[in-house]
Amino acid sequence: MSALTPDCDPDMSHCGQPWKGKGSRGSGIVSAVVLLGILGIALASVTKEAVFGGFDFVVAPMGLLAAALLARRAARLVARGATAVAARVPTVTVRRSQPVG
C-alpha cells in the first residue's frame, strides 16, 4: 500500500491506514508541535546569520509550508468551534399561517 492514501493529512500525521480513523489520541498535538518546531527553526535560520545564505532557499519554503499547514489547522479548529457554538444556540421556529383551502 502506498504511503499516500486519499485521506492522508498534508503534514503526514495520519497516513496509510484509512480504516483506522484519524490516528491515535494526541497525534494531532504531536504533529502540531513538530510543525511549530519546523517553523521556529526556519524562522531562526532565516532571520539569524547562523547558517550560510544558500540554506535559506531550502528552509524558507519549509517554513512557509509549515505556517500554511498551521493556519489550515487553526481555521479548521475555529470552524469546529463555530459549529459547536451554533449547535447550542436555540433556534426560533417560524410558524406561517396556511390558507384555508
PDB file of N, CA and C in Angstrom:
ATOM      1  N   MET A   1       0.848  -1.178   0.000  1.00  0.00           N
ATOM      2  CA  MET A   1       0.000   0.000   0.000  1.00  0.00           C
ATOM      3  C   MET A   1       0.884   1.228   0.000  1.00  0.00           C
ATOM      4  N   SER A   2       0.479   2.219  -0.713  1.00  0.00           N
ATOM      5  CA  SER A   2       1.224   3.464  -0.791  1.00  0.00           C
ATOM      6  C   SER A   2       1.074   4.250   0.500  1.00  0.00           C
ATOM      7  N   ALA A   3       2.076   5.057   0.813  1.00  0.00           N
ATOM      8  CA  ALA A   3       2.004   5.900   1.995  1.00  0.00           C
ATOM      9  C   ALA A   3       1.021   7.039   1.799  1.00  0.00           C
ATOM     10  N   LEU A   4       0.733   7.388   0.564  1.00  0.00           N
ATOM     11  CA  LEU A   4      -0.176   8.496   0.291  1.00  0.00           C
ATOM     12  C   LEU A   4      -1.545   7.960  -0.115  1.00  0.00           C
ATOM     13  N   THR A   5      -2.416   7.829   0.852  1.00  0.00           N
ATOM     14  CA  THR A   5      -3.770   7.379   0.584  1.00  0.00           C
ATOM     15  C   THR A   5      -4.665   8.601   0.399  1.00  0.00           C
ATOM     16  N   PRO A   6      -5.870   8.429  -0.110  1.00  0.00           N
ATOM     17  CA  PRO A   6      -6.724   9.588  -0.372  1.00  0.00           C
ATOM     18  C   PRO A   6      -7.047  10.440   0.853  1.00  0.00           C
ATOM     19  N   ASP A   7      -7.066   9.850   2.057  1.00  0.00           N
ATOM     20  CA  ASP A   7      -7.396  10.638   3.242  1.00  0.00           C
ATOM     21  C   ASP A   7      -6.159  11.022   4.045  1.00  0.00           C
ATOM     22  N   CYS A   8      -5.026  11.111   3.393  1.00  0.00           N
ATOM     23  CA  CYS A   8      -3.775  11.433   4.062  1.00  0.00           C
ATOM     24  C   CYS A   8      -3.742  12.915   4.433  1.00  0.00           C
ATOM     25  N   ASP A   9      -3.343  13.224   5.672  1.00  0.00           N
ATOM     26  CA  ASP A   9      -3.169  14.612   6.076  1.00  0.00           C
ATOM     27  C   ASP A   9      -1.942  15.182   5.387  1.00  0.00           C
ATOM     28  N   PRO A  10      -1.953  16.475   5.055  1.00  0.00           N
ATOM     29  CA  PRO A  10      -0.808  17.065   4.363  1.00  0.00           C
ATOM     30  C   PRO A  10       0.473  17.028   5.188  1.00  0.00           C
ATOM     31  N   ASP A  11       0.347  17.060   6.510  1.00  0.00           N
ATOM     32  CA  ASP A  11       1.540  17.034   7.342  1.00  0.00           C
ATOM     33  C   ASP A  11       1.929  15.615   7.752  1.00  0.00           C
ATOM     34  N   MET A  12       1.258  14.625   7.154  1.00  0.00           N
ATOM     35  CA  MET A  12       1.561  13.205   7.339  1.00  0.00           C
ATOM     36  C   MET A  12       1.335  12.720   8.774  1.00  0.00           C
ATOM     37  N   SER A  13       0.483  13.411   9.563  1.00  0.00           N
ATOM     38  CA  SER A  13       0.206  12.947  10.918  1.00  0.00           C
ATOM     39  C   SER A  13      -0.672  11.699  10.891  1.00  0.00           C
ATOM     40  N   HIS A  14      -1.468  11.559   9.856  1.00  0.00           N
ATOM     41  CA  HIS A  14      -2.289  10.365   9.689  1.00  0.00           C
ATOM     42  C   HIS A  14      -2.158   9.934   8.243  1.00  0.00           C
ATOM     43  N   CYS A  15      -1.650   8.751   8.043  1.00  0.00           N
ATOM     44  CA  CYS A  15      -1.436   8.335   6.670  1.00  0.00           C
ATOM     45  C   CYS A  15      -1.335   6.815   6.586  1.00  0.00           C
ATOM     46  N   GLY A  16      -1.861   6.267   5.537  1.00  0.00           N
ATOM     47  CA  GLY A  16      -1.625   4.871   5.224  1.00  0.00           C
ATOM     48  C   GLY A  16      -2.604   3.889   5.812  1.00  0.00           C
ATOM     49  N   GLN A  17      -3.476   4.295   6.735  1.00  0.00           N
ATOM     50  CA  GLN A  17      -4.420   3.371   7.328  1.00  0.00           C
ATOM     51  C   GLN A  17      -5.804   4.021   7.382  1.00  0.00           C
ATOM     52  N   PRO A  18      -6.495   4.138   6.253  1.00  0.00           N
ATOM     53  CA  PRO A  18      -7.782   4.822   6.244  1.00  0.00           C
ATOM     54  C   PRO A  18      -8.851   4.101   7.054  1.00  0.00           C
ATOM     55  N   TRP A  19      -8.702   2.802   7.310  1.00  0.00           N
ATOM     56  CA  TRP A  19      -9.694   2.052   8.054  1.00  0.00           C
ATOM     57  C   TRP A  19      -9.569   2.289   9.553  1.00  0.00           C
ATOM     58  N   LYS A  20      -8.489   2.910   9.988  1.00  0.00           N
ATOM     59  CA  LYS A  20      -8.228   3.043  11.405  1.00  0.00           C
ATOM     60  C   LYS A  20      -8.743   4.356  11.989  1.00  0.00           C
ATOM     61  N   GLY A  21      -9.237   5.253  11.196  1.00  0.00           N
ATOM     62  CA  GLY A  21      -9.713   6.528  11.721  1.00  0.00           C
ATOM     63  C   GLY A  21      -8.640   7.585  11.593  1.00  0.00           C
ATOM     64  N   LYS A  22      -8.774   8.650  12.349  1.00  0.00           N
ATOM     65  CA  LYS A  22      -7.862   9.776  12.240  1.00  0.00           C
ATOM     66  C   LYS A  22      -6.681   9.696  13.192  1.00  0.00           C
ATOM     67  N   GLY A  23      -6.160   8.563  13.456  1.00  0.00           N
ATOM     68  CA  GLY A  23      -4.966   8.452  14.284  1.00  0.00           C
ATOM     69  C   GLY A  23      -5.290   8.294  15.751  1.00  0.00           C
ATOM     70  N   SER A  24      -4.273   8.067  16.530  1.00  0.00           N
ATOM     71  CA  SER A  24      -4.468   7.859  17.957  1.00  0.00           C
ATOM     72  C   SER A  24      -4.689   9.187  18.664  1.00  0.00           C
ATOM     73  N   ARG A  25      -5.136   9.101  19.893  1.00  0.00           N
ATOM     74  CA  ARG A  25      -5.431  10.298  20.678  1.00  0.00           C
ATOM     75  C   ARG A  25      -4.138  11.071  20.922  1.00  0.00           C
ATOM     76  N   GLY A  26      -4.130  12.333  20.587  1.00  0.00           N
ATOM     77  CA  GLY A  26      -2.961  13.168  20.791  1.00  0.00           C
ATOM     78  C   GLY A  26      -2.024  13.244  19.609  1.00  0.00           C
ATOM     79  N   SER A  27      -2.294  12.502  18.545  1.00  0.00           N
ATOM     80  CA  SER A  27      -1.393  12.548  17.388  1.00  0.00           C
ATOM     81  C   SER A  27      -1.453  13.902  16.689  1.00  0.00           C
ATOM     82  N   GLY A  28      -2.594  14.556  16.741  1.00  0.00           N
ATOM     83  CA  GLY A  28      -2.707  15.889  16.155  1.00  0.00           C
ATOM     84  C   GLY A  28      -1.873  16.914  16.909  1.00  0.00           C
ATOM     85  N   ILE A  29      -1.789  16.749  18.225  1.00  0.00           N
ATOM     86  CA  ILE A  29      -0.977  17.657  19.038  1.00  0.00           C
ATOM     87  C   ILE A  29       0.495  17.456  18.733  1.00  0.00           C
ATOM     88  N   VAL A  30       0.902  16.205  18.597  1.00  0.00           N
ATOM     89  CA  VAL A  30       2.301  15.908  18.298  1.00  0.00           C
ATOM     90  C   VAL A  30       2.693  16.494  16.944  1.00  0.00           C
ATOM     91  N   SER A  31       1.848  16.321  15.946  1.00  0.00           N
ATOM     92  CA  SER A  31       2.192  16.852  14.629  1.00  0.00           C
ATOM     93  C   SER A  31       2.168  18.381  14.626  1.00  0.00           C
ATOM     94  N   ALA A  32       1.276  18.995  15.428  1.00  0.00           N
ATOM     95  CA  ALA A  32       1.281  20.458  15.532  1.00  0.00           C
ATOM     96  C   ALA A  32       2.563  20.950  16.191  1.00  0.00           C
ATOM     97  N   VAL A  33       3.048  20.234  17.195  1.00  0.00           N
ATOM     98  CA  VAL A  33       4.309  20.608  17.842  1.00  0.00           C
ATOM     99  C   VAL A  33       5.474  20.463  16.862  1.00  0.00           C
ATOM    100  N   VAL A  34       5.453  19.416  16.056  1.00  0.00           N
ATOM    101  CA  VAL A  34       6.503  19.232  15.050  1.00  0.00           C
ATOM    102  C   VAL A  34       6.465  20.371  14.030  1.00  0.00           C
ATOM    103  N   LEU A  35       5.261  20.747  13.596  1.00  0.00           N
ATOM    104  CA  LEU A  35       5.138  21.856  12.653  1.00  0.00           C
ATOM    105  C   LEU A  35       5.626  23.168  13.271  1.00  0.00           C
ATOM    106  N   LEU A  36       5.298  23.395  14.541  1.00  0.00           N
ATOM    107  CA  LEU A  36       5.791  24.596  15.223  1.00  0.00           C
ATOM    108  C   LEU A  36       7.311  24.580  15.329  1.00  0.00           C
ATOM    109  N   GLY A  37       7.877  23.407  15.579  1.00  0.00           N
ATOM    110  CA  GLY A  37       9.335  23.282  15.628  1.00  0.00           C
ATOM    111  C   GLY A  37       9.984  23.597  14.291  1.00  0.00           C
ATOM    112  N   ILE A  38       9.411  23.058  13.226  1.00  0.00           N
ATOM    113  CA  ILE A  38       9.939  23.337  11.889  1.00  0.00           C
ATOM    114  C   ILE A  38       9.847  24.825  11.580  1.00  0.00           C
ATOM    115  N   LEU A  39       8.708  25.421  11.928  1.00  0.00           N
ATOM    116  CA  LEU A  39       8.528  26.853  11.688  1.00  0.00           C
ATOM    117  C   LEU A  39       9.523  27.672  12.505  1.00  0.00           C
ATOM    118  N   GLY A  40       9.732  27.291  13.753  1.00  0.00           N
ATOM    119  CA  GLY A  40      10.697  28.008  14.597  1.00  0.00           C
ATOM    120  C   GLY A  40      12.113  27.905  14.084  1.00  0.00           C
ATOM    121  N   ILE A  41      12.518  26.713  13.676  1.00  0.00           N
ATOM    122  CA  ILE A  41      13.863  26.529  13.134  1.00  0.00           C
ATOM    123  C   ILE A  41      14.031  27.313  11.837  1.00  0.00           C
ATOM    124  N   ALA A  42      12.976  27.293  11.000  1.00  0.00           N
ATOM    125  CA  ALA A  42      13.046  28.036   9.744  1.00  0.00           C
ATOM    126  C   ALA A  42      13.158  29.536   9.997  1.00  0.00           C
ATOM    127  N   LEU A  43      12.362  30.055  10.928  1.00  0.00           N
ATOM    128  CA  LEU A  43      12.434  31.478  11.236  1.00  0.00           C
ATOM    129  C   LEU A  43      13.780  31.856  11.843  1.00  0.00           C
ATOM    130  N   ALA A  44      14.291  31.014  12.729  1.00  0.00           N
ATOM    131  CA  ALA A  44      15.577  31.306  13.363  1.00  0.00           C
ATOM    132  C   ALA A  44      16.713  31.277  12.344  1.00  0.00           C
ATOM    133  N   SER A  45      16.688  30.328  11.436  1.00  0.00           N
ATOM    134  CA  SER A  45      17.786  30.234  10.470  1.00  0.00           C
ATOM    135  C   SER A  45      17.718  31.323   9.405  1.00  0.00           C
ATOM    136  N   VAL A  46      16.511  31.784   9.085  1.00  0.00           N
ATOM    137  CA  VAL A  46      16.384  32.834   8.076  1.00  0.00           C
ATOM    138  C   VAL A  46      16.715  34.205   8.668  1.00  0.00           C
ATOM    139  N   THR A  47      16.268  34.463   9.889  1.00  0.00           N
ATOM    140  CA  THR A  47      16.481  35.785  10.481  1.00  0.00           C
ATOM    141  C   THR A  47      17.863  35.954  11.084  1.00  0.00           C
ATOM    142  N   LYS A  48      18.469  34.893  11.554  1.00  0.00           N
ATOM    143  CA  LYS A  48      19.822  34.959  12.125  1.00  0.00           C
ATOM    144  C   LYS A  48      20.837  34.564  11.058  1.00  0.00           C
ATOM    145  N   GLU A  49      22.050  34.948  11.266  1.00  0.00           N
ATOM    146  CA  GLU A  49      23.121  34.565  10.334  1.00  0.00           C
ATOM    147  C   GLU A  49      23.862  33.345  10.868  1.00  0.00           C
ATOM    148  N   ALA A  50      23.106  32.356  11.345  1.00  0.00           N
ATOM    149  CA  ALA A  50      23.715  31.165  11.929  1.00  0.00           C
ATOM    150  C   ALA A  50      24.231  30.197  10.867  1.00  0.00           C
ATOM    151  N   VAL A  51      23.597  30.192   9.713  1.00  0.00           N
ATOM    152  CA  VAL A  51      23.998  29.282   8.640  1.00  0.00           C
ATOM    153  C   VAL A  51      24.262  30.099   7.382  1.00  0.00           C
ATOM    154  N   PHE A  52      24.868  29.467   6.391  1.00  0.00           N
ATOM    155  CA  PHE A  52      25.194  30.181   5.157  1.00  0.00           C
ATOM    156  C   PHE A  52      23.927  30.514   4.381  1.00  0.00           C
ATOM    157  N   GLY A  53      24.007  31.491   3.499  1.00  0.00           N
ATOM    158  CA  GLY A  53      22.854  32.036   2.791  1.00  0.00           C
ATOM    159  C   GLY A  53      22.130  31.054   1.884  1.00  0.00           C
ATOM    160  N   GLY A  54      22.831  30.079   1.335  1.00  0.00           N
ATOM    161  CA  GLY A  54      22.200  29.111   0.446  1.00  0.00           C
ATOM    162  C   GLY A  54      21.202  28.218   1.157  1.00  0.00           C
ATOM    163  N   PHE A  55      21.379  28.068   2.455  1.00  0.00           N
ATOM    164  CA  PHE A  55      20.479  27.235   3.242  1.00  0.00           C
ATOM    165  C   PHE A  55      19.090  27.879   3.351  1.00  0.00           C
ATOM    166  N   ASP A  56      19.044  29.199   3.221  1.00  0.00           N
ATOM    167  CA  ASP A  56      17.758  29.905   3.311  1.00  0.00           C
ATOM    168  C   ASP A  56      16.808  29.490   2.199  1.00  0.00           C
ATOM    169  N   PHE A  57      17.335  29.145   1.034  1.00  0.00           N
ATOM    170  CA  PHE A  57      16.486  28.735  -0.077  1.00  0.00           C
ATOM    171  C   PHE A  57      15.810  27.397   0.182  1.00  0.00           C
ATOM    172  N   VAL A  58      16.356  26.620   1.084  1.00  0.00           N
ATOM    173  CA  VAL A  58      15.754  25.343   1.453  1.00  0.00           C
ATOM    174  C   VAL A  58      14.807  25.525   2.629  1.00  0.00           C
ATOM    175  N   VAL A  59      15.231  26.314   3.606  1.00  0.00           N
ATOM    176  CA  VAL A  59      14.477  26.434   4.846  1.00  0.00           C
ATOM    177  C   VAL A  59      13.254  27.345   4.696  1.00  0.00           C
ATOM    178  N   ALA A  60      13.355  28.387   3.905  1.00  0.00           N
ATOM    179  CA  ALA A  60      12.235  29.326   3.764  1.00  0.00           C
ATOM    180  C   ALA A  60      10.969  28.652   3.216  1.00  0.00           C
ATOM    181  N   PRO A  61      11.038  27.844   2.156  1.00  0.00           N
ATOM    182  CA  PRO A  61       9.815  27.165   1.708  1.00  0.00           C
ATOM    183  C   PRO A  61       9.273  26.176   2.738  1.00  0.00           C
ATOM    184  N   MET A  62      10.168  25.516   3.470  1.00  0.00           N
ATOM    185  CA  MET A  62       9.709  24.603   4.515  1.00  0.00           C
ATOM    186  C   MET A  62       8.961  25.374   5.599  1.00  0.00           C
ATOM    187  N   GLY A  63       9.476  26.545   5.966  1.00  0.00           N
ATOM    188  CA  GLY A  63       8.807  27.375   6.962  1.00  0.00           C
ATOM    189  C   GLY A  63       7.464  27.879   6.468  1.00  0.00           C
ATOM    190  N   LEU A  64       7.404  28.264   5.194  1.00  0.00           N
ATOM    191  CA  LEU A  64       6.134  28.719   4.629  1.00  0.00           C
ATOM    192  C   LEU A  64       5.100  27.600   4.588  1.00  0.00           C
ATOM    193  N   LEU A  65       5.539  26.408   4.245  1.00  0.00           N
ATOM    194  CA  LEU A  65       4.630  25.269   4.218  1.00  0.00           C
ATOM    195  C   LEU A  65       4.138  24.937   5.624  1.00  0.00           C
ATOM    196  N   ALA A  66       5.039  24.961   6.600  1.00  0.00           N
ATOM    197  CA  ALA A  66       4.638  24.694   7.985  1.00  0.00           C
ATOM    198  C   ALA A  66       3.655  25.755   8.469  1.00  0.00           C
ATOM    199  N   ALA A  67       3.889  27.016   8.125  1.00  0.00           N
ATOM    200  CA  ALA A  67       2.972  28.088   8.525  1.00  0.00           C
ATOM    201  C   ALA A  67       1.611  27.912   7.871  1.00  0.00           C
ATOM    202  N   ALA A  68       1.599  27.518   6.599  1.00  0.00           N
ATOM    203  CA  ALA A  68       0.328  27.304   5.904  1.00  0.00           C
ATOM    204  C   ALA A  68      -0.452  26.151   6.529  1.00  0.00           C
ATOM    205  N   LEU A  69       0.249  25.073   6.875  1.00  0.00           N
ATOM    206  CA  LEU A  69      -0.427  23.935   7.500  1.00  0.00           C
ATOM    207  C   LEU A  69      -0.962  24.292   8.876  1.00  0.00           C
ATOM    208  N   LEU A  70      -0.208  25.079   9.647  1.00  0.00           N
ATOM    209  CA  LEU A  70      -0.685  25.510  10.958  1.00  0.00           C
ATOM    210  C   LEU A  70      -1.889  26.444  10.816  1.00  0.00           C
ATOM    211  N   ALA A  71      -1.882  27.314   9.810  1.00  0.00           N
ATOM    212  CA  ALA A  71      -3.029  28.191   9.576  1.00  0.00           C
ATOM    213  C   ALA A  71      -4.258  27.377   9.186  1.00  0.00           C
ATOM    214  N   ARG A  72      -4.059  26.340   8.388  1.00  0.00           N
ATOM    215  CA  ARG A  72      -5.171  25.473   7.991  1.00  0.00           C
ATOM    216  C   ARG A  72      -5.753  24.751   9.195  1.00  0.00           C
ATOM    217  N   ARG A  73      -4.865  24.275  10.090  1.00  0.00           N
ATOM    218  CA  ARG A  73      -5.330  23.618  11.316  1.00  0.00           C
ATOM    219  C   ARG A  73      -6.105  24.592  12.196  1.00  0.00           C
ATOM    220  N   ALA A  74      -5.612  25.828  12.312  1.00  0.00           N
ATOM    221  CA  ALA A  74      -6.296  26.829  13.128  1.00  0.00           C
ATOM    222  C   ALA A  74      -7.671  27.155  12.543  1.00  0.00           C
ATOM    223  N   ALA A  75      -7.750  27.276  11.228  1.00  0.00           N
ATOM    224  CA  ALA A  75      -9.037  27.557  10.582  1.00  0.00           C
ATOM    225  C   ALA A  75     -10.011  26.406  10.805  1.00  0.00           C
ATOM    226  N   ARG A  76      -9.511  25.174  10.723  1.00  0.00           N
ATOM    227  CA  ARG A  76     -10.366  24.018  10.954  1.00  0.00           C
ATOM    228  C   ARG A  76     -10.859  23.983  12.397  1.00  0.00           C
ATOM    229  N   LEU A  77      -9.984  24.351  13.339  1.00  0.00           N
ATOM    230  CA  LEU A  77     -10.356  24.388  14.742  1.00  0.00           C
ATOM    231  C   LEU A  77     -11.404  25.469  15.006  1.00  0.00           C
ATOM    232  N   VAL A  78     -11.242  26.633  14.392  1.00  0.00           N
ATOM    233  CA  VAL A  78     -12.218  27.712  14.542  1.00  0.00           C
ATOM    234  C   VAL A  78     -13.559  27.302  13.932  1.00  0.00           C
ATOM    235  N   ALA A  79     -13.534  26.637  12.790  1.00  0.00           N
ATOM    236  CA  ALA A  79     -14.779  26.188  12.151  1.00  0.00           C
ATOM    237  C   ALA A  79     -15.497  25.172  13.023  1.00  0.00           C
ATOM    238  N   ARG A  80     -14.749  24.251  13.630  1.00  0.00           N
ATOM    239  CA  ARG A  80     -15.373  23.273  14.532  1.00  0.00           C
ATOM    240  C   ARG A  80     -15.980  23.966  15.743  1.00  0.00           C
ATOM    241  N   GLY A  81     -15.274  24.953  16.283  1.00  0.00           N
ATOM    242  CA  GLY A  81     -15.801  25.695  17.429  1.00  0.00           C
ATOM    243  C   GLY A  81     -17.056  26.463  17.075  1.00  0.00           C
ATOM    244  N   ALA A  82     -17.061  27.092  15.904  1.00  0.00           N
ATOM    245  CA  ALA A  82     -18.242  27.833  15.465  1.00  0.00           C
ATOM    246  C   ALA A  82     -19.426  26.898  15.249  1.00  0.00           C
ATOM    247  N   THR A  83     -19.167  25.718  14.723  1.00  0.00           N
ATOM    248  CA  THR A  83     -20.229  24.741  14.526  1.00  0.00           C
ATOM    249  C   THR A  83     -20.793  24.282  15.868  1.00  0.00           C
ATOM    250  N   ALA A  84     -19.913  24.055  16.841  1.00  0.00           N
ATOM    251  CA  ALA A  84     -20.362  23.630  18.164  1.00  0.00           C
ATOM    252  C   ALA A  84     -21.173  24.723  18.849  1.00  0.00           C
ATOM    253  N   VAL A  85     -20.744  25.975  18.699  1.00  0.00           N
ATOM    254  CA  VAL A  85     -21.499  27.085  19.289  1.00  0.00           C
ATOM    255  C   VAL A  85     -22.842  27.236  18.596  1.00  0.00           C
ATOM    256  N   ALA A  86     -22.861  27.114  17.287  1.00  0.00           N
ATOM    257  CA  ALA A  86     -24.113  27.240  16.540  1.00  0.00           C
ATOM    258  C   ALA A  86     -25.089  26.126  16.902  1.00  0.00           C
ATOM    259  N   ALA A  87     -24.586  24.959  17.252  1.00  0.00           N
ATOM    260  CA  ALA A  87     -25.458  23.852  17.621  1.00  0.00           C
ATOM    261  C   ALA A  87     -26.122  24.099  18.971  1.00  0.00           C
ATOM    262  N   ARG A  88     -25.493  24.894  19.813  1.00  0.00           N
ATOM    263  CA  ARG A  88     -26.052  25.158  21.136  1.00  0.00           C
ATOM    264  C   ARG A  88     -26.981  26.369  21.177  1.00  0.00           C
ATOM    265  N   VAL A  89     -26.970  27.191  20.148  1.00  0.00           N
ATOM    266  CA  VAL A  89     -27.827  28.370  20.109  1.00  0.00           C
ATOM    267  C   VAL A  89     -29.256  27.915  19.854  1.00  0.00           C
ATOM    268  N   PRO A  90     -30.185  28.358  20.711  1.00  0.00           N
ATOM    269  CA  PRO A  90     -31.578  27.936  20.485  1.00  0.00           C
ATOM    270  C   PRO A  90     -32.135  28.566  19.208  1.00  0.00           C
ATOM    271  N   THR A  91     -32.897  27.788  18.507  1.00  0.00           N
ATOM    272  CA  THR A  91     -33.479  28.275  17.258  1.00  0.00           C
ATOM    273  C   THR A  91     -34.928  28.660  17.492  1.00  0.00           C
ATOM    274  N   VAL A  92     -35.388  29.606  16.740  1.00  0.00           N
ATOM    275  CA  VAL A  92     -36.768  30.053  16.814  1.00  0.00           C
ATOM    276  C   VAL A  92     -37.486  29.531  15.573  1.00  0.00           C
ATOM    277  N   THR A  93     -38.541  28.796  15.800  1.00  0.00           N
ATOM    278  CA  THR A  93     -39.294  28.281  14.653  1.00  0.00           C
ATOM    279  C   THR A  93     -40.323  29.325  14.228  1.00  0.00           C
ATOM    280  N   VAL A  94     -40.400  29.538  12.975  1.00  0.00           N
ATOM    281  CA  VAL A  94     -41.350  30.488  12.411  1.00  0.00           C
ATOM    282  C   VAL A  94     -42.557  29.724  11.922  1.00  0.00           C
ATOM    283  N   ARG A  95     -43.715  30.088  12.432  1.00  0.00           N
ATOM    284  CA  ARG A  95     -44.941  29.423  12.000  1.00  0.00           C
ATOM    285  C   ARG A  95     -45.709  30.380  11.103  1.00  0.00           C
ATOM    286  N   ARG A  96     -45.988  29.918   9.944  1.00  0.00           N
ATOM    287  CA  ARG A  96     -46.697  30.748   8.981  1.00  0.00           C
ATOM    288  C   ARG A  96     -48.135  30.238   8.858  1.00  0.00           C
ATOM    289  N   SER A  97     -48.994  31.158   8.675  1.00  0.00           N
ATOM    290  CA  SER A  97     -50.397  30.754   8.522  1.00  0.00           C
ATOM    291  C   SER A  97     -50.603  30.103   7.162  1.00  0.00           C
ATOM    292  N   GLN A  98     -51.484  29.154   7.152  1.00  0.00           N
ATOM    293  CA  GLN A  98     -51.791  28.432   5.932  1.00  0.00           C
ATOM    294  C   GLN A  98     -53.141  28.939   5.392  1.00  0.00           C
ATOM    295  N   PRO A  99     -53.285  29.079   4.111  1.00  0.00           N
ATOM    296  CA  PRO A  99     -54.593  29.499   3.578  1.00  0.00           C
ATOM    297  C   PRO A  99     -55.632  28.386   3.780  1.00  0.00           C
ATOM    298  N   VAL A 100     -56.816  28.807   4.043  1.00  0.00           N
ATOM    299  CA  VAL A 100     -57.905  27.828   4.228  1.00  0.00           C
ATOM    300  C   VAL A 100     -58.297  27.311   2.860  1.00  0.00           C
ATOM    301  N   GLY A 101     -58.226  26.020   2.706  1.00  0.00           N
ATOM    302  CA  GLY A 101     -58.453  25.510   1.379  1.00  0.00           C
ATOM    303  C   GLY A 101     -59.559  24.647   1.314  1.00  0.00           C
TER     304      GLY A 101
END
